N, C-alpha and C. Protein backbone atom coordinates (compact mmCIF):
# COMPACT_ATOMS: atom_id res chain seq x y z
N MET A 1 -6.80 -21.24 1.71
CA MET A 1 -6.13 -20.14 1.03
C MET A 1 -6.74 -18.81 1.48
N ARG A 2 -5.90 -17.87 1.90
CA ARG A 2 -6.39 -16.58 2.36
C ARG A 2 -6.47 -15.63 1.16
N SER A 3 -7.62 -15.59 0.53
CA SER A 3 -7.78 -14.79 -0.67
C SER A 3 -9.12 -14.07 -0.64
N ALA A 4 -9.24 -13.06 -1.50
CA ALA A 4 -10.49 -12.29 -1.55
C ALA A 4 -10.55 -11.53 -2.87
N GLU A 5 -11.77 -11.19 -3.27
CA GLU A 5 -12.00 -10.37 -4.46
C GLU A 5 -13.07 -9.34 -4.14
N ILE A 6 -12.78 -8.10 -4.49
CA ILE A 6 -13.72 -6.99 -4.24
C ILE A 6 -13.88 -6.18 -5.52
N THR A 7 -15.13 -5.81 -5.81
CA THR A 7 -15.43 -4.94 -6.95
C THR A 7 -16.13 -3.69 -6.45
N ARG A 8 -15.73 -2.55 -6.98
CA ARG A 8 -16.37 -1.26 -6.63
C ARG A 8 -16.67 -0.51 -7.92
N ASN A 9 -17.93 -0.21 -8.14
CA ASN A 9 -18.35 0.56 -9.30
C ASN A 9 -19.09 1.81 -8.85
N THR A 10 -18.57 2.97 -9.23
CA THR A 10 -19.22 4.24 -8.92
C THR A 10 -19.28 5.07 -10.20
N LYS A 11 -19.83 6.26 -10.11
CA LYS A 11 -19.85 7.16 -11.26
C LYS A 11 -18.45 7.67 -11.60
N GLU A 12 -17.51 7.50 -10.65
CA GLU A 12 -16.15 8.00 -10.85
C GLU A 12 -15.15 6.91 -11.22
N THR A 13 -15.34 5.70 -10.69
CA THR A 13 -14.36 4.64 -10.91
C THR A 13 -15.04 3.28 -11.04
N GLN A 14 -14.33 2.38 -11.74
CA GLN A 14 -14.74 0.98 -11.84
C GLN A 14 -13.49 0.15 -11.53
N ILE A 15 -13.53 -0.57 -10.40
CA ILE A 15 -12.33 -1.24 -9.90
C ILE A 15 -12.64 -2.66 -9.47
N ASN A 16 -11.78 -3.59 -9.87
CA ASN A 16 -11.85 -4.96 -9.39
C ASN A 16 -10.46 -5.36 -8.91
N ILE A 17 -10.39 -5.92 -7.69
CA ILE A 17 -9.11 -6.33 -7.12
C ILE A 17 -9.24 -7.71 -6.51
N ARG A 18 -8.28 -8.58 -6.82
CA ARG A 18 -8.16 -9.89 -6.21
C ARG A 18 -6.81 -9.98 -5.50
N VAL A 19 -6.80 -10.56 -4.30
CA VAL A 19 -5.55 -10.75 -3.56
C VAL A 19 -5.47 -12.17 -3.04
N ASN A 20 -4.25 -12.66 -2.91
CA ASN A 20 -3.97 -13.95 -2.29
C ASN A 20 -2.78 -13.74 -1.36
N LEU A 21 -3.03 -13.76 -0.06
CA LEU A 21 -1.97 -13.50 0.91
C LEU A 21 -0.90 -14.58 0.90
N ASP A 22 -1.24 -15.76 0.44
CA ASP A 22 -0.30 -16.88 0.45
C ASP A 22 0.25 -17.18 -0.94
N GLY A 23 0.34 -16.15 -1.74
CA GLY A 23 0.86 -16.31 -3.09
C GLY A 23 2.37 -16.18 -3.15
N GLY A 24 2.86 -15.82 -4.32
CA GLY A 24 4.30 -15.69 -4.51
C GLY A 24 4.72 -14.31 -4.96
N GLY A 25 3.80 -13.35 -4.91
CA GLY A 25 4.13 -11.99 -5.32
C GLY A 25 3.94 -11.73 -6.80
N SER A 26 3.05 -12.49 -7.43
CA SER A 26 2.76 -12.23 -8.85
C SER A 26 1.65 -11.19 -8.94
N SER A 27 1.64 -10.44 -10.03
CA SER A 27 0.66 -9.37 -10.15
C SER A 27 0.24 -9.16 -11.59
N SER A 28 -0.97 -8.64 -11.72
CA SER A 28 -1.48 -8.10 -12.98
C SER A 28 -2.14 -6.79 -12.63
N VAL A 29 -1.52 -5.68 -13.04
CA VAL A 29 -1.98 -4.36 -12.62
C VAL A 29 -2.27 -3.51 -13.85
N LYS A 30 -3.52 -3.07 -13.95
CA LYS A 30 -3.93 -2.21 -15.06
C LYS A 30 -4.72 -1.04 -14.51
N THR A 31 -4.02 0.09 -14.38
CA THR A 31 -4.66 1.35 -13.99
C THR A 31 -4.37 2.36 -15.09
N PRO A 32 -4.96 3.56 -15.04
CA PRO A 32 -4.71 4.55 -16.09
C PRO A 32 -3.33 5.20 -16.03
N ASN A 33 -2.49 4.85 -15.06
CA ASN A 33 -1.21 5.54 -14.90
C ASN A 33 -0.07 4.55 -14.78
N GLY A 34 0.92 4.67 -15.67
CA GLY A 34 2.03 3.73 -15.70
C GLY A 34 2.88 3.75 -14.45
N PHE A 35 3.12 4.93 -13.90
CA PHE A 35 3.94 5.02 -12.70
C PHE A 35 3.25 4.33 -11.53
N PHE A 36 1.95 4.56 -11.37
CA PHE A 36 1.21 3.93 -10.28
C PHE A 36 1.15 2.41 -10.46
N ASN A 37 1.03 1.96 -11.70
CA ASN A 37 1.12 0.52 -11.97
C ASN A 37 2.41 -0.04 -11.41
N HIS A 38 3.51 0.65 -11.66
CA HIS A 38 4.83 0.22 -11.21
C HIS A 38 4.88 0.12 -9.69
N MET A 39 4.32 1.10 -8.99
CA MET A 39 4.32 1.07 -7.52
C MET A 39 3.51 -0.11 -6.99
N LEU A 40 2.37 -0.38 -7.60
CA LEU A 40 1.52 -1.49 -7.15
C LEU A 40 2.16 -2.84 -7.46
N GLU A 41 2.87 -2.92 -8.57
CA GLU A 41 3.61 -4.15 -8.89
C GLU A 41 4.73 -4.38 -7.87
N LEU A 42 5.41 -3.31 -7.46
CA LEU A 42 6.42 -3.42 -6.41
C LEU A 42 5.80 -3.92 -5.10
N LEU A 43 4.63 -3.39 -4.78
CA LEU A 43 3.93 -3.78 -3.56
C LEU A 43 3.65 -5.28 -3.57
N SER A 44 3.19 -5.80 -4.68
CA SER A 44 2.91 -7.23 -4.79
C SER A 44 4.19 -8.05 -4.71
N LYS A 45 5.17 -7.69 -5.51
CA LYS A 45 6.41 -8.47 -5.58
C LYS A 45 7.10 -8.59 -4.23
N HIS A 46 7.24 -7.48 -3.53
CA HIS A 46 8.04 -7.48 -2.31
C HIS A 46 7.25 -7.88 -1.06
N SER A 47 5.93 -7.94 -1.18
CA SER A 47 5.12 -8.45 -0.06
C SER A 47 4.90 -9.94 -0.16
N GLY A 48 5.07 -10.49 -1.37
CA GLY A 48 4.74 -11.89 -1.59
C GLY A 48 3.25 -12.13 -1.74
N ILE A 49 2.47 -11.07 -1.84
CA ILE A 49 1.02 -11.16 -2.00
C ILE A 49 0.67 -11.08 -3.48
N ASP A 50 -0.06 -12.05 -3.99
CA ASP A 50 -0.55 -11.96 -5.36
C ASP A 50 -1.63 -10.89 -5.42
N ILE A 51 -1.50 -9.96 -6.37
CA ILE A 51 -2.45 -8.86 -6.49
C ILE A 51 -2.81 -8.66 -7.96
N ASP A 52 -4.11 -8.75 -8.26
CA ASP A 52 -4.62 -8.45 -9.59
C ASP A 52 -5.52 -7.23 -9.48
N ILE A 53 -5.22 -6.20 -10.26
CA ILE A 53 -5.98 -4.95 -10.20
C ILE A 53 -6.38 -4.52 -11.60
N SER A 54 -7.67 -4.28 -11.77
CA SER A 54 -8.18 -3.68 -13.00
C SER A 54 -8.95 -2.44 -12.60
N ALA A 55 -8.51 -1.27 -13.09
CA ALA A 55 -9.13 -0.02 -12.63
C ALA A 55 -9.27 0.97 -13.78
N LYS A 56 -10.44 1.58 -13.84
CA LYS A 56 -10.71 2.69 -14.74
C LYS A 56 -11.29 3.83 -13.91
N GLY A 57 -11.03 5.05 -14.35
CA GLY A 57 -11.55 6.18 -13.59
C GLY A 57 -11.69 7.43 -14.43
N ASP A 58 -12.20 8.47 -13.80
CA ASP A 58 -12.46 9.74 -14.48
C ASP A 58 -11.17 10.55 -14.60
N THR A 59 -10.23 10.03 -15.35
CA THR A 59 -8.93 10.68 -15.49
C THR A 59 -9.01 11.99 -16.27
N GLU A 60 -10.13 12.25 -16.91
CA GLU A 60 -10.30 13.57 -17.54
C GLU A 60 -10.41 14.65 -16.48
N VAL A 61 -10.77 14.26 -15.26
CA VAL A 61 -10.74 15.19 -14.13
C VAL A 61 -9.33 15.24 -13.57
N ASP A 62 -8.89 14.14 -13.01
CA ASP A 62 -7.50 13.91 -12.58
C ASP A 62 -7.41 12.48 -12.06
N LEU A 63 -6.30 12.13 -11.44
CA LEU A 63 -6.11 10.76 -10.97
C LEU A 63 -6.61 10.54 -9.54
N HIS A 64 -7.04 11.59 -8.88
CA HIS A 64 -7.34 11.50 -7.45
C HIS A 64 -8.35 10.40 -7.12
N HIS A 65 -9.51 10.42 -7.79
CA HIS A 65 -10.54 9.45 -7.47
C HIS A 65 -10.06 8.02 -7.71
N THR A 66 -9.31 7.81 -8.78
CA THR A 66 -8.85 6.47 -9.12
C THR A 66 -7.86 5.95 -8.09
N VAL A 67 -6.88 6.77 -7.74
CA VAL A 67 -5.86 6.34 -6.78
C VAL A 67 -6.48 6.08 -5.42
N GLU A 68 -7.34 6.99 -4.95
CA GLU A 68 -7.98 6.82 -3.65
C GLU A 68 -8.86 5.58 -3.62
N ASP A 69 -9.64 5.37 -4.68
CA ASP A 69 -10.56 4.23 -4.70
C ASP A 69 -9.82 2.91 -4.81
N ILE A 70 -8.68 2.89 -5.47
CA ILE A 70 -7.86 1.67 -5.47
C ILE A 70 -7.40 1.36 -4.05
N GLY A 71 -7.03 2.40 -3.29
CA GLY A 71 -6.68 2.20 -1.89
C GLY A 71 -7.84 1.63 -1.09
N ILE A 72 -9.04 2.14 -1.33
CA ILE A 72 -10.24 1.64 -0.64
C ILE A 72 -10.45 0.16 -0.93
N VAL A 73 -10.43 -0.20 -2.22
CA VAL A 73 -10.75 -1.58 -2.61
C VAL A 73 -9.65 -2.54 -2.20
N LEU A 74 -8.39 -2.12 -2.34
CA LEU A 74 -7.30 -2.98 -1.91
C LEU A 74 -7.36 -3.22 -0.40
N GLY A 75 -7.67 -2.17 0.37
CA GLY A 75 -7.82 -2.32 1.81
C GLY A 75 -8.95 -3.28 2.16
N GLU A 76 -10.08 -3.17 1.47
CA GLU A 76 -11.20 -4.07 1.72
C GLU A 76 -10.85 -5.51 1.37
N ALA A 77 -10.12 -5.70 0.28
CA ALA A 77 -9.74 -7.05 -0.14
C ALA A 77 -8.76 -7.68 0.85
N LEU A 78 -7.78 -6.90 1.30
CA LEU A 78 -6.83 -7.43 2.28
C LEU A 78 -7.52 -7.74 3.61
N LEU A 79 -8.44 -6.86 4.03
CA LEU A 79 -9.18 -7.10 5.27
C LEU A 79 -9.98 -8.39 5.17
N LYS A 80 -10.66 -8.60 4.05
CA LYS A 80 -11.46 -9.81 3.87
C LYS A 80 -10.57 -11.05 3.86
N ALA A 81 -9.42 -10.96 3.18
CA ALA A 81 -8.51 -12.10 3.11
C ALA A 81 -7.92 -12.44 4.48
N LEU A 82 -7.72 -11.44 5.33
CA LEU A 82 -7.18 -11.66 6.67
C LEU A 82 -8.20 -12.34 7.58
N ASP A 83 -9.48 -12.25 7.26
CA ASP A 83 -10.56 -12.90 8.01
C ASP A 83 -10.48 -12.47 9.48
N ASP A 84 -10.37 -13.43 10.41
CA ASP A 84 -10.30 -13.07 11.83
C ASP A 84 -8.88 -12.81 12.31
N ARG A 85 -7.91 -12.90 11.39
CA ARG A 85 -6.49 -12.63 11.64
C ARG A 85 -5.86 -13.65 12.59
N LYS A 86 -6.48 -14.79 12.70
CA LYS A 86 -5.96 -15.83 13.59
C LYS A 86 -4.57 -16.28 13.16
N GLY A 87 -3.64 -16.24 14.10
CA GLY A 87 -2.31 -16.77 13.88
C GLY A 87 -1.33 -15.85 13.18
N ILE A 88 -1.79 -14.66 12.75
CA ILE A 88 -0.87 -13.79 12.02
C ILE A 88 0.15 -13.14 12.96
N GLU A 89 1.26 -12.72 12.39
CA GLU A 89 2.27 -12.01 13.15
C GLU A 89 1.73 -10.68 13.69
N ARG A 90 0.86 -10.05 12.92
CA ARG A 90 0.15 -8.80 13.23
C ARG A 90 1.01 -7.55 13.01
N TYR A 91 2.23 -7.53 13.51
CA TYR A 91 3.09 -6.37 13.38
C TYR A 91 4.13 -6.59 12.29
N GLY A 92 4.52 -5.50 11.65
CA GLY A 92 5.60 -5.55 10.68
C GLY A 92 6.31 -4.22 10.62
N TRP A 93 7.62 -4.26 10.41
CA TRP A 93 8.38 -3.00 10.31
C TRP A 93 9.64 -3.23 9.50
N VAL A 94 10.11 -2.15 8.90
CA VAL A 94 11.30 -2.24 8.07
C VAL A 94 11.92 -0.86 7.92
N MET A 95 13.25 -0.82 7.78
CA MET A 95 13.96 0.38 7.34
C MET A 95 14.36 0.11 5.89
N MET A 96 13.67 0.77 4.96
CA MET A 96 13.85 0.45 3.54
C MET A 96 14.72 1.49 2.84
N PRO A 97 15.92 1.09 2.40
CA PRO A 97 16.75 2.01 1.62
C PRO A 97 16.40 1.93 0.14
N MET A 98 16.48 3.06 -0.52
CA MET A 98 16.36 3.12 -1.97
C MET A 98 17.36 4.16 -2.46
N ASP A 99 18.57 3.69 -2.76
CA ASP A 99 19.66 4.58 -3.15
C ASP A 99 19.88 5.66 -2.08
N GLU A 100 19.60 6.92 -2.39
CA GLU A 100 19.92 8.02 -1.48
C GLU A 100 18.83 8.26 -0.43
N VAL A 101 17.76 7.47 -0.47
CA VAL A 101 16.58 7.69 0.37
C VAL A 101 16.39 6.51 1.32
N ARG A 102 15.79 6.76 2.49
CA ARG A 102 15.35 5.69 3.39
C ARG A 102 13.94 6.00 3.87
N CYS A 103 13.11 4.98 3.92
CA CYS A 103 11.77 5.13 4.49
C CYS A 103 11.56 4.05 5.55
N ASP A 104 11.24 4.47 6.76
CA ASP A 104 10.93 3.54 7.84
C ASP A 104 9.42 3.35 7.88
N VAL A 105 9.01 2.08 7.86
CA VAL A 105 7.58 1.76 7.84
C VAL A 105 7.28 0.81 8.98
N ALA A 106 6.20 1.08 9.72
CA ALA A 106 5.74 0.19 10.79
C ALA A 106 4.24 0.00 10.66
N LEU A 107 3.79 -1.25 10.80
CA LEU A 107 2.37 -1.60 10.65
C LEU A 107 1.86 -2.34 11.86
N ASP A 108 0.59 -2.15 12.16
CA ASP A 108 -0.13 -2.96 13.13
C ASP A 108 -1.48 -3.32 12.52
N LEU A 109 -1.67 -4.61 12.24
CA LEU A 109 -2.94 -5.07 11.69
C LEU A 109 -3.90 -5.43 12.82
N GLY A 110 -4.02 -4.50 13.76
CA GLY A 110 -4.76 -4.75 14.99
C GLY A 110 -6.21 -4.31 14.99
N GLY A 111 -6.74 -3.94 13.83
CA GLY A 111 -8.16 -3.62 13.75
C GLY A 111 -8.51 -2.16 13.96
N ARG A 112 -7.49 -1.31 14.13
CA ARG A 112 -7.75 0.13 14.29
C ARG A 112 -6.98 0.87 13.21
N SER A 113 -7.68 1.73 12.49
CA SER A 113 -7.03 2.47 11.40
C SER A 113 -6.42 3.76 11.94
N ASN A 114 -5.19 4.00 11.53
CA ASN A 114 -4.52 5.26 11.85
C ASN A 114 -3.34 5.40 10.89
N LEU A 115 -3.17 6.59 10.35
CA LEU A 115 -2.06 6.83 9.44
C LEU A 115 -1.19 7.95 9.97
N VAL A 116 0.10 7.68 10.13
CA VAL A 116 1.11 8.70 10.39
C VAL A 116 2.01 8.70 9.17
N TYR A 117 2.06 9.83 8.48
CA TYR A 117 2.70 9.88 7.16
C TYR A 117 3.63 11.08 7.09
N LYS A 118 4.89 10.86 7.36
CA LYS A 118 5.89 11.92 7.33
C LYS A 118 6.80 11.69 6.11
N VAL A 119 6.22 11.90 4.95
CA VAL A 119 6.92 11.70 3.68
C VAL A 119 6.80 12.99 2.89
N TYR A 120 7.91 13.48 2.40
CA TYR A 120 7.93 14.80 1.77
C TYR A 120 8.53 14.72 0.38
N PHE A 121 7.69 15.04 -0.60
CA PHE A 121 8.12 15.07 -1.99
C PHE A 121 8.39 16.52 -2.40
N ASP A 122 9.27 16.67 -3.37
CA ASP A 122 9.53 17.98 -3.96
C ASP A 122 8.55 18.18 -5.11
N ASN A 123 7.57 19.03 -4.90
CA ASN A 123 6.53 19.24 -5.90
C ASN A 123 6.76 20.48 -6.77
N SER A 124 7.97 21.04 -6.73
CA SER A 124 8.27 22.19 -7.57
C SER A 124 8.27 21.77 -9.05
N ALA A 125 7.99 22.73 -9.89
CA ALA A 125 7.80 22.44 -11.31
C ALA A 125 9.03 21.80 -11.93
N ASP A 126 10.23 22.22 -11.51
CA ASP A 126 11.44 21.69 -12.13
C ASP A 126 11.80 20.30 -11.61
N LYS A 127 11.00 19.76 -10.65
CA LYS A 127 11.23 18.42 -10.15
C LYS A 127 10.23 17.41 -10.71
N LYS A 128 9.45 17.82 -11.70
CA LYS A 128 8.46 16.91 -12.28
C LYS A 128 9.18 15.76 -12.97
N GLU A 129 8.92 14.54 -12.51
CA GLU A 129 9.61 13.37 -13.03
C GLU A 129 8.67 12.41 -13.76
N SER A 130 7.36 12.61 -13.61
CA SER A 130 6.40 11.75 -14.28
C SER A 130 5.07 12.49 -14.33
N ASP A 131 4.06 11.86 -14.91
CA ASP A 131 2.73 12.47 -14.95
C ASP A 131 1.91 12.08 -13.74
N PHE A 132 2.57 11.55 -12.71
CA PHE A 132 1.90 11.17 -11.48
C PHE A 132 2.08 12.27 -10.44
N GLU A 133 0.99 12.58 -9.72
CA GLU A 133 1.07 13.56 -8.63
C GLU A 133 1.43 12.83 -7.34
N PHE A 134 2.63 13.07 -6.85
CA PHE A 134 3.13 12.29 -5.72
C PHE A 134 2.33 12.52 -4.44
N VAL A 135 1.64 13.65 -4.36
CA VAL A 135 0.80 13.92 -3.20
C VAL A 135 -0.31 12.88 -3.07
N LEU A 136 -0.66 12.21 -4.16
CA LEU A 136 -1.74 11.22 -4.14
C LEU A 136 -1.35 9.95 -3.38
N ILE A 137 -0.06 9.74 -3.17
CA ILE A 137 0.36 8.54 -2.42
C ILE A 137 -0.22 8.59 -1.01
N ARG A 138 -0.25 9.78 -0.42
CA ARG A 138 -0.85 9.87 0.92
C ARG A 138 -2.33 9.51 0.88
N GLU A 139 -3.04 9.94 -0.15
CA GLU A 139 -4.46 9.62 -0.27
C GLU A 139 -4.66 8.12 -0.40
N PHE A 140 -3.80 7.47 -1.15
CA PHE A 140 -3.85 6.01 -1.29
C PHE A 140 -3.62 5.34 0.05
N MET A 141 -2.59 5.77 0.78
CA MET A 141 -2.26 5.16 2.06
C MET A 141 -3.35 5.39 3.10
N LYS A 142 -3.97 6.56 3.08
CA LYS A 142 -5.07 6.84 4.02
C LYS A 142 -6.25 5.92 3.75
N ALA A 143 -6.59 5.76 2.49
CA ALA A 143 -7.70 4.88 2.13
C ALA A 143 -7.36 3.43 2.49
N LEU A 144 -6.13 3.01 2.24
CA LEU A 144 -5.70 1.65 2.56
C LEU A 144 -5.78 1.41 4.07
N SER A 145 -5.25 2.33 4.86
CA SER A 145 -5.27 2.21 6.31
C SER A 145 -6.71 2.13 6.84
N ASP A 146 -7.57 3.02 6.36
CA ASP A 146 -8.95 3.06 6.83
C ASP A 146 -9.69 1.76 6.55
N HIS A 147 -9.50 1.20 5.35
CA HIS A 147 -10.32 0.07 4.92
C HIS A 147 -9.68 -1.28 5.22
N MET A 148 -8.39 -1.30 5.53
CA MET A 148 -7.75 -2.52 6.02
C MET A 148 -7.80 -2.55 7.55
N LYS A 149 -8.24 -1.45 8.15
CA LYS A 149 -8.28 -1.29 9.61
C LYS A 149 -6.90 -1.57 10.19
N ALA A 150 -5.93 -0.81 9.70
CA ALA A 150 -4.54 -0.98 10.10
C ALA A 150 -3.94 0.35 10.51
N THR A 151 -3.05 0.30 11.49
CA THR A 151 -2.22 1.45 11.82
C THR A 151 -0.97 1.38 10.95
N MET A 152 -0.65 2.50 10.27
CA MET A 152 0.47 2.52 9.34
C MET A 152 1.29 3.79 9.58
N HIS A 153 2.57 3.63 9.84
CA HIS A 153 3.48 4.75 10.06
C HIS A 153 4.55 4.77 8.97
N PHE A 154 4.76 5.93 8.38
CA PHE A 154 5.80 6.13 7.36
C PHE A 154 6.67 7.32 7.75
N PHE A 155 7.98 7.12 7.78
CA PHE A 155 8.92 8.20 8.05
C PHE A 155 10.01 8.18 6.98
N HIS A 156 10.07 9.24 6.23
CA HIS A 156 11.02 9.35 5.11
C HIS A 156 12.24 10.14 5.55
N HIS A 157 13.43 9.62 5.21
CA HIS A 157 14.68 10.28 5.55
C HIS A 157 15.47 10.57 4.27
N SER A 158 15.87 11.80 4.11
CA SER A 158 16.86 12.16 3.10
C SER A 158 18.02 12.80 3.84
N TYR A 159 19.18 12.77 3.26
CA TYR A 159 20.38 13.16 3.98
C TYR A 159 20.96 14.45 3.42
N GLU A 160 21.48 15.26 4.31
CA GLU A 160 22.01 16.57 3.94
C GLU A 160 23.06 16.43 2.84
N GLY A 161 22.89 17.22 1.82
CA GLY A 161 23.85 17.21 0.72
C GLY A 161 23.51 16.23 -0.38
N GLU A 162 22.55 15.32 -0.13
CA GLU A 162 22.17 14.35 -1.15
C GLU A 162 21.06 14.91 -2.03
N VAL A 163 21.18 14.69 -3.32
CA VAL A 163 20.11 15.05 -4.25
C VAL A 163 19.16 13.86 -4.33
N THR A 164 17.90 14.08 -3.97
CA THR A 164 16.93 13.00 -3.97
C THR A 164 15.99 13.11 -5.16
N THR A 165 15.37 12.00 -5.51
CA THR A 165 14.36 11.99 -6.56
C THR A 165 13.05 11.53 -5.98
N ASN A 166 11.97 12.10 -6.47
CA ASN A 166 10.64 11.69 -6.02
C ASN A 166 10.39 10.22 -6.32
N HIS A 167 10.90 9.76 -7.45
CA HIS A 167 10.73 8.35 -7.82
C HIS A 167 11.32 7.44 -6.75
N HIS A 168 12.51 7.75 -6.28
CA HIS A 168 13.16 6.92 -5.26
C HIS A 168 12.42 6.99 -3.93
N ILE A 169 11.91 8.16 -3.58
CA ILE A 169 11.12 8.28 -2.35
C ILE A 169 9.89 7.38 -2.44
N ALA A 170 9.18 7.47 -3.56
CA ALA A 170 7.98 6.65 -3.74
C ALA A 170 8.30 5.17 -3.69
N GLU A 171 9.39 4.76 -4.33
CA GLU A 171 9.77 3.35 -4.29
C GLU A 171 10.07 2.90 -2.88
N ALA A 172 10.77 3.72 -2.10
CA ALA A 172 11.07 3.36 -0.72
C ALA A 172 9.79 3.21 0.09
N VAL A 173 8.80 4.07 -0.16
CA VAL A 173 7.53 3.99 0.55
C VAL A 173 6.81 2.69 0.22
N PHE A 174 6.68 2.35 -1.05
CA PHE A 174 5.93 1.16 -1.44
C PHE A 174 6.68 -0.13 -1.12
N LYS A 175 7.99 -0.15 -1.30
CA LYS A 175 8.75 -1.34 -0.94
C LYS A 175 8.76 -1.54 0.57
N GLY A 176 8.83 -0.42 1.32
CA GLY A 176 8.77 -0.52 2.77
C GLY A 176 7.43 -1.07 3.23
N LEU A 177 6.34 -0.56 2.65
CA LEU A 177 5.02 -1.08 2.97
C LEU A 177 4.94 -2.57 2.64
N ALA A 178 5.48 -2.95 1.50
CA ALA A 178 5.43 -4.34 1.08
C ALA A 178 6.13 -5.26 2.06
N ARG A 179 7.34 -4.90 2.46
CA ARG A 179 8.10 -5.78 3.36
C ARG A 179 7.49 -5.83 4.76
N ALA A 180 6.91 -4.71 5.20
CA ALA A 180 6.24 -4.72 6.50
C ALA A 180 4.97 -5.58 6.44
N LEU A 181 4.23 -5.50 5.34
CA LEU A 181 3.05 -6.34 5.16
C LEU A 181 3.44 -7.81 5.12
N ARG A 182 4.52 -8.12 4.42
CA ARG A 182 4.99 -9.51 4.32
C ARG A 182 5.17 -10.12 5.71
N GLN A 183 5.75 -9.33 6.60
CA GLN A 183 5.96 -9.79 7.97
C GLN A 183 4.65 -9.88 8.74
N ALA A 184 3.81 -8.85 8.63
CA ALA A 184 2.62 -8.75 9.45
C ALA A 184 1.57 -9.81 9.12
N VAL A 185 1.43 -10.18 7.85
CA VAL A 185 0.39 -11.15 7.46
C VAL A 185 0.85 -12.59 7.61
N ARG A 186 2.13 -12.80 7.91
CA ARG A 186 2.67 -14.16 8.02
C ARG A 186 2.00 -14.91 9.17
N VAL A 187 1.63 -16.15 8.93
CA VAL A 187 1.02 -16.98 9.96
C VAL A 187 2.12 -17.65 10.77
N THR A 188 2.14 -17.38 12.06
CA THR A 188 3.17 -17.92 12.94
C THR A 188 2.59 -18.68 14.13
N GLY A 189 1.26 -18.77 14.23
CA GLY A 189 0.64 -19.45 15.35
C GLY A 189 -0.78 -19.85 15.01
N ASP A 190 -1.58 -20.12 16.03
CA ASP A 190 -2.96 -20.52 15.80
C ASP A 190 -3.94 -19.81 16.72
N THR A 191 -3.50 -18.69 17.28
CA THR A 191 -4.39 -17.92 18.15
C THR A 191 -4.52 -16.49 17.63
N ILE A 192 -5.52 -15.78 18.11
CA ILE A 192 -5.71 -14.38 17.77
C ILE A 192 -4.62 -13.57 18.46
N PRO A 193 -3.86 -12.76 17.73
CA PRO A 193 -2.75 -12.03 18.35
C PRO A 193 -3.20 -10.78 19.12
N SER A 194 -4.00 -11.01 20.15
CA SER A 194 -4.49 -9.92 20.99
C SER A 194 -4.93 -10.48 22.33
N THR A 195 -4.66 -9.77 23.43
CA THR A 195 -5.11 -10.20 24.74
C THR A 195 -6.64 -10.14 24.85
N LYS A 196 -7.28 -9.41 23.94
CA LYS A 196 -8.75 -9.34 23.94
C LYS A 196 -9.38 -10.64 23.44
N GLY A 197 -8.59 -11.40 22.69
CA GLY A 197 -9.11 -12.64 22.10
C GLY A 197 -9.84 -12.41 20.79
N VAL A 198 -9.88 -11.18 20.33
CA VAL A 198 -10.53 -10.84 19.07
C VAL A 198 -9.89 -9.57 18.53
N ILE A 199 -9.83 -9.48 17.20
CA ILE A 199 -9.37 -8.24 16.55
C ILE A 199 -10.50 -7.71 15.69
């Protein structure tokens, strides 16, 4: 079973995450923010990866440390569960629609971290849809990419004349990541997917 558990305790956050790459997409997510819980539950459900997250943080400051550190710990847990990455598909990509929005996501679990993030939220005051700061999604993805040692590309498309919602953009981002991960972690062989012979 490709699974892992990581705990991180700092003066800012206390986080425990368990993952099972060969699960069925079940989750238990407890963070200080309901909207972020929803995004992480979507990630688990649509990737087919079982994810249990328990997180507390210094939310009296803001959500930044908590969201970023969850990305760090989730990345470390996924990296550990992938082990030597023998037999995995390695690459994953998807064009994910969410009503009026589309997000194209491409992943390479090739051992090098890089984030290309072309996702644009409307942060004007009259577009506030939740108590979540959507700019933090990039911080989460950067931490995830760095600690999973993965290249991750996100391109968000909205269409002229369409009224978009930040909620739908965020859902497209997380569902796109989930489906690309589902493909990339799938075991399809018994060799290291690299001409180097190691990742």
